[in-house]
Protein backbone atom coordinates (compact mmCIF):
# COMPACT_ATOMS: atom_id res chain seq x y z
CA MET A 1 212.02 144.42 126.82
CA TYR A 2 211.36 142.73 130.14
CA TYR A 3 208.21 140.68 130.88
CA ASP A 4 207.21 138.97 134.11
CA VAL A 5 205.73 136.09 132.09
CA VAL A 6 206.19 134.89 128.51
CA ILE A 7 203.57 132.43 127.22
CA ALA A 8 204.24 130.33 124.13
CA GLY A 9 200.96 129.64 122.35
CA GLY A 10 197.99 131.91 121.71
CA SER A 11 195.18 129.40 122.00
CA VAL A 12 192.59 128.99 124.77
CA ALA A 13 194.91 127.83 127.59
CA GLY A 14 197.68 130.33 126.88
CA LEU A 15 195.27 133.23 126.41
CA ILE A 16 193.32 132.48 129.60
CA CYS A 17 196.62 132.31 131.51
CA ALA A 18 197.64 135.64 129.98
CA ARG A 19 194.29 137.21 130.84
CA GLU A 20 194.44 136.10 134.47
CA ILE A 21 198.13 136.92 135.05
CA ALA A 22 197.80 140.35 133.41
CA SER A 23 194.73 141.09 135.55
CA ASN A 24 197.06 140.88 138.57
CA ASN A 25 199.28 143.67 137.19
CA HIS A 26 202.04 141.45 135.80
CA SER A 27 203.58 142.18 132.42
CA VAL A 28 202.69 139.34 130.04
CA LEU A 29 203.78 138.54 126.51
CA VAL A 30 202.02 135.87 124.43
CA ILE A 31 203.92 134.62 121.40
CA GLU A 32 201.96 132.85 118.67
CA GLU A 33 203.57 131.31 115.61
CA ASP A 34 200.53 131.63 113.34
CA TYR A 35 199.71 134.84 111.48
CA GLU A 36 196.64 135.59 113.62
CA ILE A 37 194.99 134.42 116.80
CA GLY A 38 192.38 131.74 116.08
CA THR A 39 193.85 130.60 112.77
CA PRO A 40 193.86 127.76 111.94
CA GLU A 41 190.95 126.45 114.01
CA HIS A 42 192.13 123.55 116.14
CA CYS A 43 188.93 121.72 117.10
CA GLY A 44 185.32 121.15 116.15
CA GLY A 45 184.00 123.55 118.76
CA LEU A 46 181.55 121.55 120.90
CA VAL A 47 181.78 122.91 124.44
CA SER A 48 179.88 123.01 127.71
CA THR A 49 178.42 126.47 128.26
CA ALA A 50 178.80 125.90 132.02
CA GLY A 51 182.51 125.23 131.45
CA LEU A 52 182.88 128.47 129.52
CA GLU A 53 181.10 130.40 132.28
CA GLU A 54 183.41 128.83 134.87
CA LEU A 55 186.37 130.19 132.87
CA GLY A 56 184.81 133.65 132.79
CA ILE A 57 183.82 133.45 129.13
CA VAL A 58 180.38 134.47 127.94
CA PRO A 59 180.48 133.84 124.18
CA PHE A 60 179.73 136.78 121.90
CA ARG A 61 176.90 136.27 119.41
CA LYS A 62 179.34 135.69 116.53
CA THR A 63 181.22 133.10 118.65
CA LEU A 64 178.13 131.03 119.44
CA ASN A 65 176.85 129.06 116.43
CA HIS A 66 174.19 126.69 117.86
CA LEU A 67 172.90 125.30 121.14
CA ILE A 68 172.78 121.50 120.95
CA LYS A 69 169.68 119.89 122.47
CA SER A 70 170.30 116.29 121.46
CA ALA A 71 172.66 114.12 119.46
CA GLU A 72 172.58 110.69 117.93
CA ILE A 73 175.87 108.79 118.08
CA HIS A 74 176.58 106.10 115.46
CA ALA A 75 179.35 103.55 116.03
CA PRO A 76 181.27 101.90 113.17
CA ASN A 77 179.60 98.56 114.02
CA GLY A 78 176.15 100.03 113.29
CA ASN A 79 175.04 100.51 116.90
CA SER A 80 173.71 103.92 117.83
CA PHE A 81 172.30 105.79 120.80
CA SER A 82 170.78 109.19 121.51
CA VAL A 83 171.96 111.76 124.03
CA ASN A 84 169.76 114.49 125.45
CA SER A 85 171.93 117.49 126.28
CA LYS A 86 169.30 119.97 127.49
CA LYS A 87 170.61 119.73 131.06
CA GLN A 88 174.29 119.78 130.02
CA ARG A 89 173.89 122.91 127.84
CA VAL A 90 176.24 122.07 125.01
CA ALA A 91 177.03 124.62 122.32
CA GLU A 92 178.77 124.63 118.97
CA ILE A 93 181.10 127.61 118.84
CA SER A 94 183.53 129.15 116.40
CA ARG A 95 186.93 128.38 117.92
CA ARG A 96 188.46 131.13 115.83
CA GLU A 97 186.09 133.71 117.36
CA LEU A 98 186.47 132.24 120.86
CA ASP A 99 190.27 132.55 120.67
CA LYS A 100 189.93 136.15 119.45
CA GLN A 101 187.47 136.94 122.25
CA ILE A 102 189.85 135.65 124.94
CA ALA A 103 192.78 137.45 123.27
CA HIS A 104 190.80 140.70 123.47
CA GLN A 105 190.16 140.08 127.20
CA ALA A 106 193.88 139.41 127.78
CA GLN A 107 194.88 142.58 125.91
CA LYS A 108 192.31 144.60 127.81
CA ASN A 109 194.05 143.42 131.00
CA GLY A 110 197.41 144.57 129.62
CA ALA A 111 198.86 141.47 127.94
CA ILE A 112 200.89 141.96 124.74
CA ILE A 113 200.33 139.46 121.91
CA LYS A 114 202.88 138.95 119.13
CA VAL A 115 201.86 136.83 116.14
CA ARG A 116 204.18 135.29 113.54
CA THR A 117 206.63 134.72 116.38
CA SER A 118 207.73 131.27 117.51
CA PHE A 119 209.46 130.11 120.67
CA GLN A 120 213.04 128.96 120.07
CA GLU A 121 214.60 128.27 123.48
CA LEU A 122 215.06 129.30 127.08
CA THR A 123 218.38 131.06 127.65
CA ASP A 124 220.26 132.22 130.74
CA LYS A 125 218.86 135.70 130.09
CA GLY A 126 215.28 134.79 129.17
CA VAL A 127 213.58 133.51 126.04
CA ARG A 128 214.74 133.51 122.44
CA THR A 129 212.02 133.73 119.81
CA SER A 130 212.16 133.78 116.03
CA GLU A 131 212.10 137.59 116.26
CA GLU A 132 214.17 138.58 119.30
CA GLU A 133 215.67 137.75 122.68
CA ILE A 134 213.34 138.59 125.56
CA GLU A 135 214.41 139.01 129.18
């Protein structure tokens, strides 16, 4: 099969790229080596809600765990300080659910996502994956 764009990696960056490229009527394939999008989780999940909005992501209820209003940071030497994040609007999210949400947006725009498929190499004809050769 022929694709305009093949993206290796089904995490936030790859999925947002797929979503945006597919929204412009290009054929997009995302290959992800893990058995499902969002697994395993790759970070703790503290994000700026303004940053998510800028990327066109409004977290679903099951994606958003908590809004963070303040934090106390403790250094190894015993020093500590407090941070008020009311103005910054920081949230703790489920990265697994966020990845799935963006994957759904990409698929809605026409992107194809293949899991359990890893990138092997670029060839003269296209891309070789663990499953097939793609033009």
